[in-house]
Protein backbone atom coordinates (compact mmCIF):
# COMPACT_ATOMS: atom_id res chain seq x y z
CA UNK A 1 70.67 -24.77 114.69
CA UNK A 2 71.41 -28.41 115.44
CA UNK A 3 75.05 -29.28 114.80
CA UNK A 4 75.39 -32.36 112.63
CA UNK A 5 78.20 -33.69 114.78
CA UNK A 6 75.97 -33.81 117.86
CA UNK A 7 74.49 -37.24 117.19
CA UNK A 8 74.95 -38.86 120.61
CA UNK A 9 71.82 -39.47 122.69
CA UNK A 10 70.85 -36.46 124.79
CA UNK A 11 70.29 -36.08 128.51
CA UNK A 12 66.65 -36.38 129.57
CA UNK A 13 64.50 -36.72 132.63
CA UNK A 14 64.13 -39.93 134.56
CA UNK A 15 67.83 -40.47 135.25
CA UNK A 16 67.74 -41.27 138.96
CA UNK A 17 71.27 -42.67 138.95
CA UNK A 18 72.60 -39.24 137.99
CA UNK A 19 70.38 -37.63 140.62
CA UNK A 20 71.81 -39.90 143.32
CA UNK A 21 75.35 -39.03 142.26
CA UNK A 22 74.58 -35.32 142.34
CA UNK A 23 72.65 -35.47 145.62
CA UNK A 24 74.22 -38.35 147.56
CA UNK A 25 72.77 -37.26 150.92
CA UNK A 26 69.18 -36.82 149.68
CA UNK A 27 66.50 -38.85 151.46
CA UNK A 28 65.18 -41.97 149.78
CA UNK A 29 63.10 -42.84 147.97
CA UNK A 30 63.67 -40.17 145.33
CA UNK A 31 60.51 -38.61 143.94
CA UNK A 32 60.91 -38.42 140.18
CA UNK A 33 58.97 -35.47 138.77
CA UNK A 34 61.36 -35.06 135.85
CA UNK A 35 59.25 -36.95 133.29
CA UNK A 36 55.77 -36.55 131.82
CA UNK A 37 54.83 -40.16 132.60
CA UNK A 38 51.49 -40.82 134.27
CA UNK A 39 52.31 -41.85 137.87
CA UNK A 40 49.09 -43.90 138.06
CA UNK A 41 49.93 -46.74 135.70
CA UNK A 42 47.40 -48.87 133.90
CA UNK A 43 46.77 -52.07 135.89
CA UNK A 44 48.66 -54.71 133.95
CA UNK A 45 46.25 -57.51 133.03
CA UNK A 46 47.04 -61.18 133.42
CA UNK A 47 48.23 -62.89 130.28
CA UNK A 48 49.73 -66.19 129.33
CA UNK A 49 53.39 -66.86 130.00
CA UNK A 50 53.53 -67.90 126.33
CA UNK A 51 53.93 -64.19 125.58
CA UNK A 52 57.44 -64.46 127.04
CA UNK A 53 58.27 -67.87 125.62
CA UNK A 54 57.45 -67.61 121.93
CA UNK A 55 57.73 -65.09 119.14
CA UNK A 56 54.62 -62.94 118.57
CA UNK A 57 52.41 -64.10 115.74
CA UNK A 58 51.35 -61.78 112.90
CA UNK A 59 47.71 -62.06 113.94
CA UNK A 60 48.53 -60.73 117.41
CA UNK A 61 50.38 -57.74 115.99
CA UNK A 62 47.48 -57.12 113.61
CA UNK A 63 45.05 -57.10 116.54
CA UNK A 64 47.23 -54.55 118.34
CA UNK A 65 47.33 -52.38 115.19
CA UNK A 66 43.54 -52.54 114.94
CA UNK A 67 43.18 -51.50 118.59
CA UNK A 68 45.59 -48.61 118.04
CA UNK A 69 43.78 -47.51 114.88
CA UNK A 70 40.50 -47.36 116.78
CA UNK A 71 42.00 -45.60 119.81
CA UNK A 72 43.93 -43.01 117.80
CA UNK A 73 41.44 -42.42 114.99
CA UNK A 74 43.55 -43.83 112.14
CA UNK A 75 41.57 -44.94 109.06
CA UNK A 76 42.54 -48.61 109.47
CA UNK A 77 45.11 -51.01 110.90
CA UNK A 78 47.02 -50.71 107.62
CA UNK A 79 47.80 -47.13 108.64
CA UNK A 80 49.45 -48.21 111.92
CA UNK A 81 53.06 -49.10 112.64
CA UNK A 82 53.75 -50.60 116.07
CA UNK A 83 57.25 -50.21 117.46
CA UNK A 84 59.19 -50.61 120.72
CA UNK A 85 58.54 -46.99 121.68
CA UNK A 86 58.19 -43.86 119.57
CA UNK A 87 61.85 -43.02 120.21
CA UNK A 88 63.04 -45.71 117.82
CA UNK A 89 60.62 -44.44 115.16
CA UNK A 90 62.01 -40.90 115.03
CA UNK A 91 65.01 -41.54 112.78
CA UNK A 92 63.11 -44.09 110.67
CA UNK A 93 60.34 -41.59 109.97
CA UNK A 94 62.92 -38.93 109.12
CA UNK A 95 64.47 -41.46 106.70
CA UNK A 96 61.27 -41.68 104.65
CA UNK A 97 62.67 -38.72 102.71
CA UNK A 98 66.06 -38.23 101.12
CA UNK A 99 68.28 -35.93 103.19
CA UNK A 100 67.14 -32.34 102.89
CA UNK A 101 66.13 -29.49 105.17
CA UNK A 102 64.42 -30.49 108.40
CA UNK A 103 62.75 -27.73 110.39
CA UNK A 104 61.54 -28.31 113.94
CA UNK A 105 59.06 -26.00 115.65
CA UNK A 106 60.65 -25.26 119.00
CA UNK A 107 61.51 -25.06 121.71
CA UNK A 108 60.60 -28.71 122.05
CA UNK A 109 61.80 -32.26 122.65
CA UNK A 110 65.44 -32.19 121.53
CA UNK A 111 65.58 -35.80 120.31
CA UNK A 112 63.48 -34.85 117.27
CA UNK A 113 66.25 -32.66 115.89
CA UNK A 114 68.89 -35.24 116.71
CA UNK A 115 66.94 -38.02 114.98
CA UNK A 116 66.51 -35.92 111.84
CA UNK A 117 70.25 -35.25 111.84
CA UNK A 118 70.94 -38.98 112.23
CA UNK A 119 68.83 -39.48 109.08
CA UNK A 120 71.10 -37.04 107.23
CA UNK A 121 68.98 -33.89 107.21
CA UNK A 122 70.28 -30.40 107.84
CA UNK A 123 68.27 -29.41 110.90
CA UNK A 124 67.05 -26.03 112.06
CA UNK A 125 64.84 -25.20 115.03
CA UNK A 126 62.49 -22.23 114.64
CA UNK A 127 59.82 -20.61 116.79
CA UNK A 128 57.33 -19.56 114.09
CA UNK A 129 55.26 -22.12 112.20
CA UNK A 130 55.37 -20.12 108.96
CA UNK A 131 59.07 -20.95 108.75
CA UNK A 132 58.26 -24.65 108.35
CA UNK A 133 56.44 -24.30 105.04
CA UNK A 134 59.56 -24.57 102.86
CA UNK A 135 61.02 -27.55 104.72
CA UNK A 136 61.63 -30.99 103.29
CA UNK A 137 60.74 -32.41 106.69
CA UNK A 138 58.58 -30.31 109.02
CA UNK A 139 58.34 -31.50 112.63
CA UNK A 140 55.80 -30.31 115.21
CA UNK A 141 55.04 -31.60 118.70
CA UNK A 142 51.36 -31.18 119.52
CA UNK A 143 50.65 -30.65 122.40
CA UNK A 144 54.17 -29.41 122.77
CA UNK A 145 56.71 -30.57 125.30
CA UNK A 146 57.57 -28.75 127.53
CA UNK A 147 55.14 -25.79 127.31
CA UNK A 148 51.92 -27.49 126.17
CA UNK A 149 51.54 -25.27 123.10
CA UNK A 150 48.66 -26.58 120.97
CA UNK A 151 48.26 -25.90 117.26
CA UNK A 152 44.85 -26.22 115.65
CA UNK A 153 44.01 -28.88 113.08
CA UNK A 154 43.38 -26.31 110.35
CA UNK A 155 46.79 -24.73 110.91
CA UNK A 156 48.56 -28.07 110.63
CA UNK A 157 46.55 -29.26 107.63
CA UNK A 158 47.30 -25.98 105.85
CA UNK A 159 50.99 -26.56 106.54
CA UNK A 160 50.77 -30.08 105.09
CA UNK A 161 49.13 -28.64 101.98
CA UNK A 162 51.95 -26.12 101.59
CA UNK A 163 54.54 -28.88 101.87
CA UNK A 164 52.91 -31.25 99.36
CA UNK A 165 53.96 -29.59 96.04
CA UNK A 166 57.63 -29.85 97.03
CA UNK A 167 57.32 -33.41 98.29
CA UNK A 168 57.61 -32.32 101.91
CA UNK A 169 56.49 -34.41 104.86
CA UNK A 170 54.80 -33.18 108.05
CA UNK A 171 55.57 -35.18 111.18
CA UNK A 172 53.33 -34.46 114.16
CA UNK A 173 54.51 -35.92 117.45
CA UNK A 174 51.35 -36.44 119.50
CA UNK A 175 53.03 -38.07 122.48
CA UNK A 176 50.80 -36.12 124.87
CA UNK A 177 47.63 -36.03 122.77
CA UNK A 178 45.95 -38.57 125.08
CA UNK A 179 45.46 -35.65 127.47
CA UNK A 180 44.87 -33.10 124.70
CA UNK A 181 41.55 -31.75 123.44
CA UNK A 182 39.12 -34.15 121.82
CA UNK A 183 39.35 -34.16 118.01
CA UNK A 184 42.69 -32.30 118.00
CA UNK A 185 44.65 -35.28 116.64
CA UNK A 186 45.63 -35.61 112.98
CA UNK A 187 45.47 -39.40 113.21
CA UNK A 188 42.46 -39.45 110.91
CA UNK A 189 44.24 -37.33 108.29
CA UNK A 190 47.26 -39.52 107.50
CA UNK A 191 45.60 -40.85 104.34
CA UNK A 192 46.55 -37.50 102.77
CA UNK A 193 49.97 -39.10 102.26
CA UNK A 194 52.38 -36.48 103.56
CA UNK A 195 51.45 -36.58 107.24
CA UNK A 196 52.92 -38.96 109.82
CA UNK A 197 51.59 -38.93 113.39
CA UNK A 198 53.53 -40.40 116.30
CA UNK A 199 51.67 -41.70 119.36
CA UNK A 200 53.24 -42.79 122.63
CA UNK A 201 51.68 -45.58 124.68
CA UNK A 202 53.90 -45.43 127.76
CA UNK A 203 53.35 -41.79 128.77
CA UNK A 204 49.57 -41.83 129.26
CA UNK A 205 49.31 -45.44 130.40
CA UNK A 206 52.23 -45.00 132.81
CA UNK A 207 54.06 -48.01 131.37
CA UNK A 208 57.08 -46.37 129.76
CA UNK A 209 59.26 -49.40 130.48
CA UNK A 210 57.03 -51.55 128.29
CA UNK A 211 58.48 -49.73 125.25
CA UNK A 212 55.51 -49.41 122.94
CA UNK A 213 54.63 -46.66 120.50
CA UNK A 214 53.02 -46.12 117.12
CA UNK A 215 53.38 -44.26 113.86
CA UNK A 216 50.22 -43.48 111.91
CA UNK A 217 50.79 -43.00 108.19
CA UNK A 218 49.40 -43.73 104.74
CA UNK A 219 49.68 -47.48 103.97
CA UNK A 220 52.61 -47.05 101.57
CA UNK A 221 54.65 -45.19 104.19
CA UNK A 222 53.52 -47.55 106.94
CA UNK A 223 54.67 -50.52 104.86
CA UNK A 224 58.14 -49.00 104.48
CA UNK A 225 58.42 -48.38 108.20
CA UNK A 226 57.25 -51.91 109.00
CA UNK A 227 59.78 -53.33 106.55
CA UNK A 228 62.61 -51.43 108.22
CA UNK A 229 61.53 -52.55 111.68
CA UNK A 230 61.33 -56.16 110.54
CA UNK A 231 59.43 -59.02 112.18
CA UNK A 232 58.96 -59.24 115.96
CA UNK A 233 59.89 -55.61 116.63
CA UNK A 234 57.33 -55.46 119.45
CA UNK A 235 57.60 -57.89 122.35
CA UNK A 236 54.79 -60.32 123.07
CA UNK A 237 53.97 -58.89 126.51
CA UNK A 238 53.78 -55.37 125.05
CA UNK A 239 51.36 -56.59 122.38
CA UNK A 240 49.18 -58.36 124.95
CA UNK A 241 49.06 -55.42 127.36
CA UNK A 242 48.74 -52.76 124.68
CA UNK A 243 45.74 -54.35 122.98
CA UNK A 244 43.78 -54.55 126.26
CA UNK A 245 44.75 -51.08 127.50
CA UNK A 246 43.99 -49.28 124.25
CA UNK A 247 40.47 -50.69 124.28
CA UNK A 248 39.80 -49.68 127.90
CA UNK A 249 37.95 -46.44 127.27
CA UNK A 250 36.49 -46.31 130.80
CA UNK A 251 39.95 -46.30 132.36
CA UNK A 252 41.13 -43.66 129.90
CA UNK A 253 38.22 -41.32 130.66
CA UNK A 254 38.61 -41.69 134.43
CA UNK A 255 42.37 -41.16 134.16
CA UNK A 256 42.02 -37.98 132.12
CA UNK A 257 39.67 -36.54 134.74
CA UNK A 258 42.00 -37.55 137.59
CA UNK A 259 45.03 -36.03 135.86
CA UNK A 260 43.19 -32.76 135.28
CA UNK A 261 42.39 -32.53 138.99
CA UNK A 262 45.98 -33.29 139.93
CA UNK A 263 47.31 -30.72 137.44
CA UNK A 264 45.10 -28.04 138.98
CA UNK A 265 46.34 -29.05 142.42
CA UNK A 266 49.93 -28.78 141.20
CA UNK A 267 49.25 -25.35 139.70
CA UNK A 268 48.08 -24.08 143.08
CA UNK A 269 51.13 -25.51 144.81
CA UNK A 270 53.56 -24.00 142.32
CA UNK A 271 51.99 -20.55 142.20
CA UNK A 272 51.82 -20.44 145.99
CA UNK A 273 55.58 -21.05 145.93
CA UNK A 274 56.00 -17.98 143.72
CA UNK A 275 56.67 -19.75 140.43
CA UNK A 276 55.27 -18.41 137.17
CA UNK A 277 53.32 -20.96 135.13
CA UNK A 278 54.46 -21.03 131.51
CA UNK A 279 52.20 -23.86 130.36
CA UNK A 280 52.00 -27.62 130.16
CA UNK A 281 49.53 -30.48 129.95
CA UNK A 282 47.81 -32.47 132.68
CA UNK A 283 50.90 -34.72 132.77
CA UNK A 284 53.39 -31.91 133.48
CA UNK A 285 53.62 -28.20 134.25
CA UNK A 286 56.33 -25.82 133.06
CA UNK A 287 57.35 -22.98 135.36
CA UNK A 288 59.65 -20.00 135.16
CA UNK A 289 61.67 -18.42 137.94
CA UNK A 290 65.00 -16.57 138.07
CA UNK A 291 65.92 -18.94 140.92
CA UNK A 292 65.42 -22.09 138.82
CA UNK A 293 68.98 -23.35 139.30
CA UNK A 294 68.91 -22.87 143.05
CA UNK A 295 65.45 -24.41 143.33
CA UNK A 296 66.54 -27.43 141.27
CA UNK A 297 69.39 -28.05 143.70
CA UNK A 298 67.18 -27.42 146.74
CA UNK A 299 64.61 -29.93 145.55
CA UNK A 300 67.35 -32.41 144.65
CA UNK A 301 68.77 -32.26 148.17
CA UNK A 302 65.24 -33.02 149.37
CA UNK A 303 65.13 -36.09 147.15
CA UNK A 304 62.87 -34.56 144.50
CA UNK A 305 63.99 -34.52 140.86
CA UNK A 306 62.46 -32.08 138.36
CA UNK A 307 63.38 -31.31 134.76
CA UNK A 308 65.65 -28.41 133.94
CA UNK A 309 66.66 -27.04 130.54
CA UNK A 310 70.17 -25.93 129.64
CA UNK A 311 68.98 -23.53 126.93
CA UNK A 312 66.29 -22.05 129.19
CA UNK A 313 67.93 -21.74 132.60
CA UNK A 314 64.87 -20.06 134.15
CA UNK A 315 62.59 -23.02 133.37
CA UNK A 316 61.69 -26.02 135.51
CA UNK A 317 59.17 -28.70 134.54
CA UNK A 318 57.24 -30.60 137.19
CA UNK A 319 55.51 -33.92 136.70
CA UNK A 320 52.53 -35.09 138.74
CA UNK A 321 53.30 -36.57 142.20
CA UNK A 322 52.23 -40.17 142.56
CA UNK A 323 50.69 -40.24 146.04
CA UNK A 324 49.95 -38.24 149.18
CA UNK A 325 53.44 -38.78 150.56
CA UNK A 326 54.97 -37.32 147.40
CA UNK A 327 52.59 -34.35 147.47
CA UNK A 328 53.53 -33.64 151.10
CA UNK A 329 57.26 -33.84 150.41
CA UNK A 330 56.96 -31.51 147.43
CA UNK A 331 54.86 -29.02 149.39
CA UNK A 332 57.36 -29.04 152.24
CA UNK A 333 60.36 -28.65 149.97
CA UNK A 334 58.83 -25.72 148.11
CA UNK A 335 57.81 -24.03 151.37
CA UNK A 336 61.33 -24.30 152.76
CA UNK A 337 62.96 -22.71 149.70
CA UNK A 338 64.09 -19.12 150.15
CA UNK A 339 65.75 -18.43 146.82
């Protein structure tokens, strides 16, 4: 159960400043494997400096929405809300409904529960999808973070149908769907009216600092979200880069194949080190070991940061190393651990 008083932002991966404080003698540069961000970022295209100097025009934002609709399978650009990252959308989407009972299918990304609480909902995390069917706001991450759990389209659409008579809303966070199975997204189903899909740009394209994300929803819901965000919510450079990247299907296909190869390579490395694989996607792998705490510290002293979980002390999540030097350092650190 999420406590309503716990509304402060939560600790997450990617905090290298904290890692340096905890491991002051670790070798530099730190290798950050604590996030699910693609280490091979999209090559940022050249664009006019005007993108920095003037406010974005509505036509430019519309072009980005059209590119996102095509990339994510939404019925049209009118079903797309562009925002400075999906994080800022979480509480706004939860606010589409009057405060009620929000149920999150867990264990999963903790900010979802916090955002629903910020919107005034009483929040509960459950582990069985059947327990979401009486919610006011049902929240599912698909594929799930951190274990990669994937729910089928029919299962999710049936849940949306169960929620509809009571006015319930299904929110599906598809942050990692870019590396999920083809046709698994519900982006094409948002016209049903009680489904909102969240899509992250920064994770797959490796440009998390750009702060760009999308909500896919029926036009009436999308209009409300756009009204709350107001004009110029997305920066001009993000619009310019996002439109080009979303249309680059050749890069996306090659990147998916490369990430799958790297994920298999990581699996072999982790299992050789004696870690049990719990799941994941091709952007991260979740492992289980009774020595998770000791291994976290050992890797940290070697300048390698992975993701740990307070509520699951036997879990560690590993992102994909960026280059051969990072792979070698990770292999050496795992080999030297005798937990």
